[in-house]
Amino acid sequence: MEEKLYCVYILTSNSHTVLYIGVTNNLLSRVIQHREGAIEGFTKKYNVSKLVYWEGFGDIDYAISREKQLKGWRRQKKIDLIEIMNPN
């Protein structure tokens, strides 16, 4: 049986003014959906489509818990986390 990977991810706009945090079981497909504007709502409205950070988990409950934790952080703490993994 193949183990699923659940990803918590952070997207930003080209101007880096907006951060979006989500969770998915198919990161590549989800990022493509965001880039194509296929998902109605916040990311489409603010053109949030640039992947800047992700983490993988083998358990959906851990992924959702981490997503909630990151959403509760102040903006600067999120930016610091992104810069550790993705300094550019």
PDB file of N, CA and C in Angstrom:
ATOM      1  N   MET A   1       0.832  -1.183   0.000  1.00  0.00           N
ATOM      2  CA  MET A   1       0.000   0.000   0.000  1.00  0.00           C
ATOM      3  C   MET A   1       0.880   1.253   0.000  1.00  0.00           C
ATOM      4  N   GLU A   2       0.602   2.155  -0.925  1.00  0.00           N
ATOM      5  CA  GLU A   2       1.374   3.378  -1.057  1.00  0.00           C
ATOM      6  C   GLU A   2       0.949   4.398  -0.009  1.00  0.00           C
ATOM      7  N   GLU A   3       1.926   4.984   0.659  1.00  0.00           N
ATOM      8  CA  GLU A   3       1.634   5.988   1.679  1.00  0.00           C
ATOM      9  C   GLU A   3       1.357   7.331   1.017  1.00  0.00           C
ATOM     10  N   LYS A   4       0.302   7.983   1.444  1.00  0.00           N
ATOM     11  CA  LYS A   4      -0.038   9.309   0.920  1.00  0.00           C
ATOM     12  C   LYS A   4       0.827  10.358   1.591  1.00  0.00           C
ATOM     13  N   LEU A   5       1.088  11.423   0.856  1.00  0.00           N
ATOM     14  CA  LEU A   5       1.810  12.561   1.396  1.00  0.00           C
ATOM     15  C   LEU A   5       0.858  13.749   1.410  1.00  0.00           C
ATOM     16  N   TYR A   6       0.682  14.322   2.567  1.00  0.00           N
ATOM     17  CA  TYR A   6      -0.165  15.498   2.734  1.00  0.00           C
ATOM     18  C   TYR A   6       0.753  16.693   2.935  1.00  0.00           C
ATOM     19  N   CYS A   7       0.529  17.728   2.162  1.00  0.00           N
ATOM     20  CA  CYS A   7       1.417  18.884   2.200  1.00  0.00           C
ATOM     21  C   CYS A   7       0.710  20.130   2.715  1.00  0.00           C
ATOM     22  N   VAL A   8       1.398  20.814   3.591  1.00  0.00           N
ATOM     23  CA  VAL A   8       1.005  22.158   4.005  1.00  0.00           C
ATOM     24  C   VAL A   8       1.874  23.080   3.163  1.00  0.00           C
ATOM     25  N   TYR A   9       1.261  24.078   2.568  1.00  0.00           N
ATOM     26  CA  TYR A   9       2.011  24.927   1.655  1.00  0.00           C
ATOM     27  C   TYR A   9       1.667  26.399   1.871  1.00  0.00           C
ATOM     28  N   ILE A  10       2.613  27.234   1.462  1.00  0.00           N
ATOM     29  CA  ILE A  10       2.396  28.677   1.505  1.00  0.00           C
ATOM     30  C   ILE A  10       2.611  29.224   0.101  1.00  0.00           C
ATOM     31  N   LEU A  11       1.629  29.984  -0.352  1.00  0.00           N
ATOM     32  CA  LEU A  11       1.702  30.685  -1.626  1.00  0.00           C
ATOM     33  C   LEU A  11       1.750  32.176  -1.366  1.00  0.00           C
ATOM     34  N   THR A  12       2.288  32.908  -2.321  1.00  0.00           N
ATOM     35  CA  THR A  12       2.278  34.359  -2.259  1.00  0.00           C
ATOM     36  C   THR A  12       1.930  34.922  -3.623  1.00  0.00           C
ATOM     37  N   SER A  13       1.671  36.208  -3.657  1.00  0.00           N
ATOM     38  CA  SER A  13       1.434  36.895  -4.920  1.00  0.00           C
ATOM     39  C   SER A  13       2.789  37.327  -5.489  1.00  0.00           C
ATOM     40  N   ASN A  14       2.803  37.770  -6.730  1.00  0.00           N
ATOM     41  CA  ASN A  14       4.053  38.226  -7.338  1.00  0.00           C
ATOM     42  C   ASN A  14       4.660  39.407  -6.585  1.00  0.00           C
ATOM     43  N   SER A  15       3.809  40.214  -5.988  1.00  0.00           N
ATOM     44  CA  SER A  15       4.301  41.372  -5.230  1.00  0.00           C
ATOM     45  C   SER A  15       4.691  41.012  -3.796  1.00  0.00           C
ATOM     46  N   HIS A  16       4.450  39.753  -3.410  1.00  0.00           N
ATOM     47  CA  HIS A  16       4.782  39.238  -2.076  1.00  0.00           C
ATOM     48  C   HIS A  16       4.021  39.952  -0.962  1.00  0.00           C
ATOM     49  N   THR A  17       2.891  40.545  -1.285  1.00  0.00           N
ATOM     50  CA  THR A  17       2.116  41.257  -0.271  1.00  0.00           C
ATOM     51  C   THR A  17       1.109  40.369   0.436  1.00  0.00           C
ATOM     52  N   VAL A  18       0.769  39.233  -0.162  1.00  0.00           N
ATOM     53  CA  VAL A  18      -0.253  38.352   0.382  1.00  0.00           C
ATOM     54  C   VAL A  18       0.346  36.966   0.601  1.00  0.00           C
ATOM     55  N   LEU A  19       0.012  36.350   1.737  1.00  0.00           N
ATOM     56  CA  LEU A  19       0.403  34.966   1.999  1.00  0.00           C
ATOM     57  C   LEU A  19      -0.856  34.129   2.149  1.00  0.00           C
ATOM     58  N   TYR A  20      -0.821  32.919   1.588  1.00  0.00           N
ATOM     59  CA  TYR A  20      -1.939  31.987   1.697  1.00  0.00           C
ATOM     60  C   TYR A  20      -1.391  30.657   2.162  1.00  0.00           C
ATOM     61  N   ILE A  21      -2.035  30.045   3.140  1.00  0.00           N
ATOM     62  CA  ILE A  21      -1.618  28.746   3.661  1.00  0.00           C
ATOM     63  C   ILE A  21      -2.735  27.750   3.403  1.00  0.00           C
ATOM     64  N   GLY A  22      -2.355  26.593   2.858  1.00  0.00           N
ATOM     65  CA  GLY A  22      -3.334  25.554   2.575  1.00  0.00           C
ATOM     66  C   GLY A  22      -2.757  24.177   2.828  1.00  0.00           C
ATOM     67  N   VAL A  23      -3.607  23.156   2.634  1.00  0.00           N
ATOM     68  CA  VAL A  23      -3.186  21.767   2.787  1.00  0.00           C
ATOM     69  C   VAL A  23      -3.764  20.969   1.622  1.00  0.00           C
ATOM     70  N   THR A  24      -3.011  19.991   1.127  1.00  0.00           N
ATOM     71  CA  THR A  24      -3.443  19.195  -0.013  1.00  0.00           C
ATOM     72  C   THR A  24      -2.750  17.827   0.026  1.00  0.00           C
ATOM     73  N   ASN A  25      -3.315  16.882  -0.722  1.00  0.00           N
ATOM     74  CA  ASN A  25      -2.652  15.584  -0.867  1.00  0.00           C
ATOM     75  C   ASN A  25      -1.991  15.459  -2.238  1.00  0.00           C
ATOM     76  N   ASN A  26      -2.016  16.543  -3.026  1.00  0.00           N
ATOM     77  CA  ASN A  26      -1.354  16.561  -4.327  1.00  0.00           C
ATOM     78  C   ASN A  26      -0.858  17.986  -4.591  1.00  0.00           C
ATOM     79  N   LEU A  27       0.346  18.259  -4.135  1.00  0.00           N
ATOM     80  CA  LEU A  27       0.874  19.627  -4.172  1.00  0.00           C
ATOM     81  C   LEU A  27       1.004  20.161  -5.598  1.00  0.00           C
ATOM     82  N   LEU A  28       1.552  19.376  -6.490  1.00  0.00           N
ATOM     83  CA  LEU A  28       1.750  19.843  -7.863  1.00  0.00           C
ATOM     84  C   LEU A  28       0.418  20.228  -8.506  1.00  0.00           C
ATOM     85  N   SER A  29      -0.559  19.357  -8.387  1.00  0.00           N
ATOM     86  CA  SER A  29      -1.873  19.620  -8.961  1.00  0.00           C
ATOM     87  C   SER A  29      -2.506  20.866  -8.342  1.00  0.00           C
ATOM     88  N   ARG A  30      -2.395  21.014  -7.026  1.00  0.00           N
ATOM     89  CA  ARG A  30      -3.000  22.163  -6.356  1.00  0.00           C
ATOM     90  C   ARG A  30      -2.345  23.470  -6.779  1.00  0.00           C
ATOM     91  N   VAL A  31      -1.022  23.477  -6.899  1.00  0.00           N
ATOM     92  CA  VAL A  31      -0.331  24.700  -7.323  1.00  0.00           C
ATOM     93  C   VAL A  31      -0.749  25.067  -8.749  1.00  0.00           C
ATOM     94  N   ILE A  32      -0.870  24.087  -9.607  1.00  0.00           N
ATOM     95  CA  ILE A  32      -1.326  24.349 -10.980  1.00  0.00           C
ATOM     96  C   ILE A  32      -2.734  24.929 -10.960  1.00  0.00           C
ATOM     97  N   GLN A  33      -3.603  24.390 -10.128  1.00  0.00           N
ATOM     98  CA  GLN A  33      -4.965  24.922 -10.011  1.00  0.00           C
ATOM     99  C   GLN A  33      -4.951  26.386  -9.586  1.00  0.00           C
ATOM    100  N   HIS A  34      -4.113  26.713  -8.613  1.00  0.00           N
ATOM    101  CA  HIS A  34      -4.001  28.104  -8.161  1.00  0.00           C
ATOM    102  C   HIS A  34      -3.480  28.990  -9.290  1.00  0.00           C
ATOM    103  N   ARG A  35      -2.444  28.539  -9.994  1.00  0.00           N
ATOM    104  CA  ARG A  35      -1.858  29.341 -11.072  1.00  0.00           C
ATOM    105  C   ARG A  35      -2.828  29.590 -12.213  1.00  0.00           C
ATOM    106  N   GLU A  36      -3.679  28.605 -12.476  1.00  0.00           N
ATOM    107  CA  GLU A  36      -4.649  28.745 -13.562  1.00  0.00           C
ATOM    108  C   GLU A  36      -5.925  29.462 -13.128  1.00  0.00           C
ATOM    109  N   GLY A  37      -6.018  29.799 -11.848  1.00  0.00           N
ATOM    110  CA  GLY A  37      -7.202  30.477 -11.337  1.00  0.00           C
ATOM    111  C   GLY A  37      -8.419  29.571 -11.276  1.00  0.00           C
ATOM    112  N   ALA A  38      -8.187  28.261 -11.183  1.00  0.00           N
ATOM    113  CA  ALA A  38      -9.276  27.283 -11.191  1.00  0.00           C
ATOM    114  C   ALA A  38      -9.992  27.192  -9.850  1.00  0.00           C
ATOM    115  N   ILE A  39      -9.400  27.739  -8.805  1.00  0.00           N
ATOM    116  CA  ILE A  39      -9.991  27.682  -7.470  1.00  0.00           C
ATOM    117  C   ILE A  39     -10.561  29.057  -7.133  1.00  0.00           C
ATOM    118  N   GLU A  40     -11.874  29.115  -7.011  1.00  0.00           N
ATOM    119  CA  GLU A  40     -12.529  30.375  -6.671  1.00  0.00           C
ATOM    120  C   GLU A  40     -12.175  30.788  -5.245  1.00  0.00           C
ATOM    121  N   GLY A  41     -12.147  32.072  -4.997  1.00  0.00           N
ATOM    122  CA  GLY A  41     -11.937  32.551  -3.643  1.00  0.00           C
ATOM    123  C   GLY A  41     -10.720  33.444  -3.512  1.00  0.00           C
ATOM    124  N   PHE A  42     -10.137  33.391  -2.345  1.00  0.00           N
ATOM    125  CA  PHE A  42      -9.054  34.292  -1.950  1.00  0.00           C
ATOM    126  C   PHE A  42      -7.885  34.277  -2.921  1.00  0.00           C
ATOM    127  N   THR A  43      -7.382  33.079  -3.264  1.00  0.00           N
ATOM    128  CA  THR A  43      -6.177  33.008  -4.099  1.00  0.00           C
ATOM    129  C   THR A  43      -6.424  33.541  -5.501  1.00  0.00           C
ATOM    130  N   LYS A  44      -7.599  33.299  -6.035  1.00  0.00           N
ATOM    131  CA  LYS A  44      -7.925  33.823  -7.367  1.00  0.00           C
ATOM    132  C   LYS A  44      -8.099  35.337  -7.315  1.00  0.00           C
ATOM    133  N   LYS A  45      -8.804  35.813  -6.299  1.00  0.00           N
ATOM    134  CA  LYS A  45      -9.060  37.251  -6.157  1.00  0.00           C
ATOM    135  C   LYS A  45      -7.762  38.052  -6.049  1.00  0.00           C
ATOM    136  N   TYR A  46      -6.802  37.531  -5.280  1.00  0.00           N
ATOM    137  CA  TYR A  46      -5.557  38.257  -5.038  1.00  0.00           C
ATOM    138  C   TYR A  46      -4.376  37.737  -5.863  1.00  0.00           C
ATOM    139  N   ASN A  47      -4.650  36.877  -6.843  1.00  0.00           N
ATOM    140  CA  ASN A  47      -3.613  36.339  -7.740  1.00  0.00           C
ATOM    141  C   ASN A  47      -2.452  35.723  -6.959  1.00  0.00           C
ATOM    142  N   VAL A  48      -2.800  34.874  -6.021  1.00  0.00           N
ATOM    143  CA  VAL A  48      -1.816  34.202  -5.176  1.00  0.00           C
ATOM    144  C   VAL A  48      -1.503  32.850  -5.808  1.00  0.00           C
ATOM    145  N   SER A  49      -0.304  32.718  -6.381  1.00  0.00           N
ATOM    146  CA  SER A  49      -0.010  31.507  -7.138  1.00  0.00           C
ATOM    147  C   SER A  49       1.453  31.057  -7.089  1.00  0.00           C
ATOM    148  N   LYS A  50       2.289  31.760  -6.346  1.00  0.00           N
ATOM    149  CA  LYS A  50       3.718  31.436  -6.303  1.00  0.00           C
ATOM    150  C   LYS A  50       4.016  30.619  -5.047  1.00  0.00           C
ATOM    151  N   LEU A  51       4.417  29.364  -5.246  1.00  0.00           N
ATOM    152  CA  LEU A  51       4.754  28.480  -4.124  1.00  0.00           C
ATOM    153  C   LEU A  51       6.081  28.921  -3.518  1.00  0.00           C
ATOM    154  N   VAL A  52       6.072  29.209  -2.207  1.00  0.00           N
ATOM    155  CA  VAL A  52       7.299  29.668  -1.547  1.00  0.00           C
ATOM    156  C   VAL A  52       7.721  28.759  -0.394  1.00  0.00           C
ATOM    157  N   TYR A  53       6.835  27.836   0.016  1.00  0.00           N
ATOM    158  CA  TYR A  53       7.165  26.961   1.147  1.00  0.00           C
ATOM    159  C   TYR A  53       6.213  25.777   1.159  1.00  0.00           C
ATOM    160  N   TRP A  54       6.730  24.610   1.572  1.00  0.00           N
ATOM    161  CA  TRP A  54       5.870  23.451   1.798  1.00  0.00           C
ATOM    162  C   TRP A  54       6.525  22.495   2.786  1.00  0.00           C
ATOM    163  N   GLU A  55       5.679  21.716   3.447  1.00  0.00           N
ATOM    164  CA  GLU A  55       6.104  20.655   4.363  1.00  0.00           C
ATOM    165  C   GLU A  55       5.252  19.429   4.063  1.00  0.00           C
ATOM    166  N   GLY A  56       5.825  18.237   4.165  1.00  0.00           N
ATOM    167  CA  GLY A  56       5.086  17.013   3.911  1.00  0.00           C
ATOM    168  C   GLY A  56       4.846  16.211   5.181  1.00  0.00           C
ATOM    169  N   PHE A  57       3.676  15.549   5.237  1.00  0.00           N
ATOM    170  CA  PHE A  57       3.285  14.732   6.388  1.00  0.00           C
ATOM    171  C   PHE A  57       2.647  13.443   5.887  1.00  0.00           C
ATOM    172  N   GLY A  58       2.806  12.374   6.621  1.00  0.00           N
ATOM    173  CA  GLY A  58       2.191  11.099   6.285  1.00  0.00           C
ATOM    174  C   GLY A  58       0.794  10.945   6.848  1.00  0.00           C
ATOM    175  N   ASP A  59       0.371  11.888   7.663  1.00  0.00           N
ATOM    176  CA  ASP A  59      -0.933  11.811   8.324  1.00  0.00           C
ATOM    177  C   ASP A  59      -1.682  13.124   8.124  1.00  0.00           C
ATOM    178  N   ILE A  60      -2.912  13.043   7.622  1.00  0.00           N
ATOM    179  CA  ILE A  60      -3.700  14.243   7.345  1.00  0.00           C
ATOM    180  C   ILE A  60      -3.973  15.056   8.608  1.00  0.00           C
ATOM    181  N   ASP A  61      -4.162  14.387   9.737  1.00  0.00           N
ATOM    182  CA  ASP A  61      -4.424  15.119  10.977  1.00  0.00           C
ATOM    183  C   ASP A  61      -3.236  15.984  11.382  1.00  0.00           C
ATOM    184  N   TYR A  62      -2.008  15.469  11.188  1.00  0.00           N
ATOM    185  CA  TYR A  62      -0.821  16.263  11.487  1.00  0.00           C
ATOM    186  C   TYR A  62      -0.715  17.450  10.531  1.00  0.00           C
ATOM    187  N   ALA A  63      -1.029  17.209   9.271  1.00  0.00           N
ATOM    188  CA  ALA A  63      -0.964  18.281   8.275  1.00  0.00           C
ATOM    189  C   ALA A  63      -1.962  19.387   8.610  1.00  0.00           C
ATOM    190  N   ILE A  64      -3.179  19.020   8.947  1.00  0.00           N
ATOM    191  CA  ILE A  64      -4.196  20.018   9.291  1.00  0.00           C
ATOM    192  C   ILE A  64      -3.808  20.779  10.550  1.00  0.00           C
ATOM    193  N   SER A  65      -3.252  20.065  11.520  1.00  0.00           N
ATOM    194  CA  SER A  65      -2.803  20.711  12.756  1.00  0.00           C
ATOM    195  C   SER A  65      -1.698  21.729  12.464  1.00  0.00           C
ATOM    196  N   ARG A  66      -0.761  21.363  11.597  1.00  0.00           N
ATOM    197  CA  ARG A  66       0.331  22.270  11.241  1.00  0.00           C
ATOM    198  C   ARG A  66      -0.203  23.478  10.461  1.00  0.00           C
ATOM    199  N   GLU A  67      -1.150  23.237   9.559  1.00  0.00           N
ATOM    200  CA  GLU A  67      -1.766  24.334   8.812  1.00  0.00           C
ATOM    201  C   GLU A  67      -2.379  25.343   9.778  1.00  0.00           C
ATOM    202  N   LYS A  68      -3.134  24.864  10.746  1.00  0.00           N
ATOM    203  CA  LYS A  68      -3.765  25.749  11.727  1.00  0.00           C
ATOM    204  C   LYS A  68      -2.723  26.506  12.543  1.00  0.00           C
ATOM    205  N   GLN A  69      -1.639  25.802  12.906  1.00  0.00           N
ATOM    206  CA  GLN A  69      -0.571  26.443  13.666  1.00  0.00           C
ATOM    207  C   GLN A  69       0.038  27.593  12.869  1.00  0.00           C
ATOM    208  N   LEU A  70       0.381  27.332  11.600  1.00  0.00           N
ATOM    209  CA  LEU A  70       0.989  28.372  10.770  1.00  0.00           C
ATOM    210  C   LEU A  70       0.042  29.550  10.551  1.00  0.00           C
ATOM    211  N   LYS A  71      -1.236  29.269  10.364  1.00  0.00           N
ATOM    212  CA  LYS A  71      -2.208  30.340  10.162  1.00  0.00           C
ATOM    213  C   LYS A  71      -2.310  31.245  11.392  1.00  0.00           C
ATOM    214  N   GLY A  72      -1.994  30.705  12.559  1.00  0.00           N
ATOM    215  CA  GLY A  72      -2.042  31.480  13.788  1.00  0.00           C
ATOM    216  C   GLY A  72      -0.807  32.335  14.039  1.00  0.00           C
ATOM    217  N   TRP A  73       0.230  32.127  13.259  1.00  0.00           N
ATOM    218  CA  TRP A  73       1.464  32.889  13.432  1.00  0.00           C
ATOM    219  C   TRP A  73       1.331  34.303  12.885  1.00  0.00           C
ATOM    220  N   ARG A  74       2.134  35.190  13.451  1.00  0.00           N
ATOM    221  CA  ARG A  74       2.240  36.543  12.898  1.00  0.00           C
ATOM    222  C   ARG A  74       2.946  36.468  11.542  1.00  0.00           C
ATOM    223  N   ARG A  75       2.693  37.454  10.710  1.00  0.00           N
ATOM    224  CA  ARG A  75       3.247  37.482   9.351  1.00  0.00           C
ATOM    225  C   ARG A  75       4.768  37.339   9.337  1.00  0.00           C
ATOM    226  N   GLN A  76       5.465  38.064  10.213  1.00  0.00           N
ATOM    227  CA  GLN A  76       6.931  38.025  10.196  1.00  0.00           C
ATOM    228  C   GLN A  76       7.466  36.631  10.507  1.00  0.00           C
ATOM    229  N   LYS A  77       6.816  35.919  11.401  1.00  0.00           N
ATOM    230  CA  LYS A  77       7.253  34.563  11.731  1.00  0.00           C
ATOM    231  C   LYS A  77       7.083  33.646  10.514  1.00  0.00           C
ATOM    232  N   LYS A  78       6.026  33.838   9.751  1.00  0.00           N
ATOM    233  CA  LYS A  78       5.809  33.064   8.523  1.00  0.00           C
ATOM    234  C   LYS A  78       6.904  33.387   7.508  1.00  0.00           C
ATOM    235  N   ILE A  79       7.218  34.662   7.368  1.00  0.00           N
ATOM    236  CA  ILE A  79       8.263  35.079   6.431  1.00  0.00           C
ATOM    237  C   ILE A  79       9.608  34.491   6.844  1.00  0.00           C
ATOM    238  N   ASP A  80       9.908  34.504   8.127  1.00  0.00           N
ATOM    239  CA  ASP A  80      11.160  33.909   8.612  1.00  0.00           C
ATOM    240  C   ASP A  80      11.230  32.428   8.263  1.00  0.00           C
ATOM    241  N   LEU A  81      10.125  31.707   8.428  1.00  0.00           N
ATOM    242  CA  LEU A  81      10.074  30.282   8.089  1.00  0.00           C
ATOM    243  C   LEU A  81      10.324  30.082   6.599  1.00  0.00           C
ATOM    244  N   ILE A  82       9.674  30.880   5.779  1.00  0.00           N
ATOM    245  CA  ILE A  82       9.865  30.792   4.319  1.00  0.00           C
ATOM    246  C   ILE A  82      11.320  31.031   3.952  1.00  0.00           C
ATOM    247  N   GLU A  83      11.922  32.034   4.539  1.00  0.00           N
ATOM    248  CA  GLU A  83      13.299  32.397   4.183  1.00  0.00           C
ATOM    249  C   GLU A  83      14.317  31.333   4.587  1.00  0.00           C
ATOM    250  N   ILE A  84      14.009  30.540   5.597  1.00  0.00           N
ATOM    251  CA  ILE A  84      14.903  29.451   5.981  1.00  0.00           C
ATOM    252  C   ILE A  84      14.965  28.409   4.862  1.00  0.00           C
ATOM    253  N   MET A  85      13.798  28.040   4.326  1.00  0.00           N
ATOM    254  CA  MET A  85      13.741  27.017   3.279  1.00  0.00           C
ATOM    255  C   MET A  85      13.999  27.602   1.895  1.00  0.00           C
ATOM    256  N   ASN A  86      13.589  28.844   1.690  1.00  0.00           N
ATOM    257  CA  ASN A  86      13.606  29.437   0.359  1.00  0.00           C
ATOM    258  C   ASN A  86      14.140  30.876   0.448  1.00  0.00           C
ATOM    259  N   PRO A  87      15.454  31.029   0.606  1.00  0.00           N
ATOM    260  CA  PRO A  87      16.013  32.365   0.817  1.00  0.00           C
ATOM    261  C   PRO A  87      15.864  33.305  -0.369  1.00  0.00           C
ATOM    262  N   ASN A  88      15.555  32.785  -1.530  1.00  0.00           N
ATOM    263  CA  ASN A  88      15.433  33.654  -2.721  1.00  0.00           C
ATOM    264  C   ASN A  88      13.995  34.034  -2.956  1.00  0.00           C
TER     265      ASN A  88
END
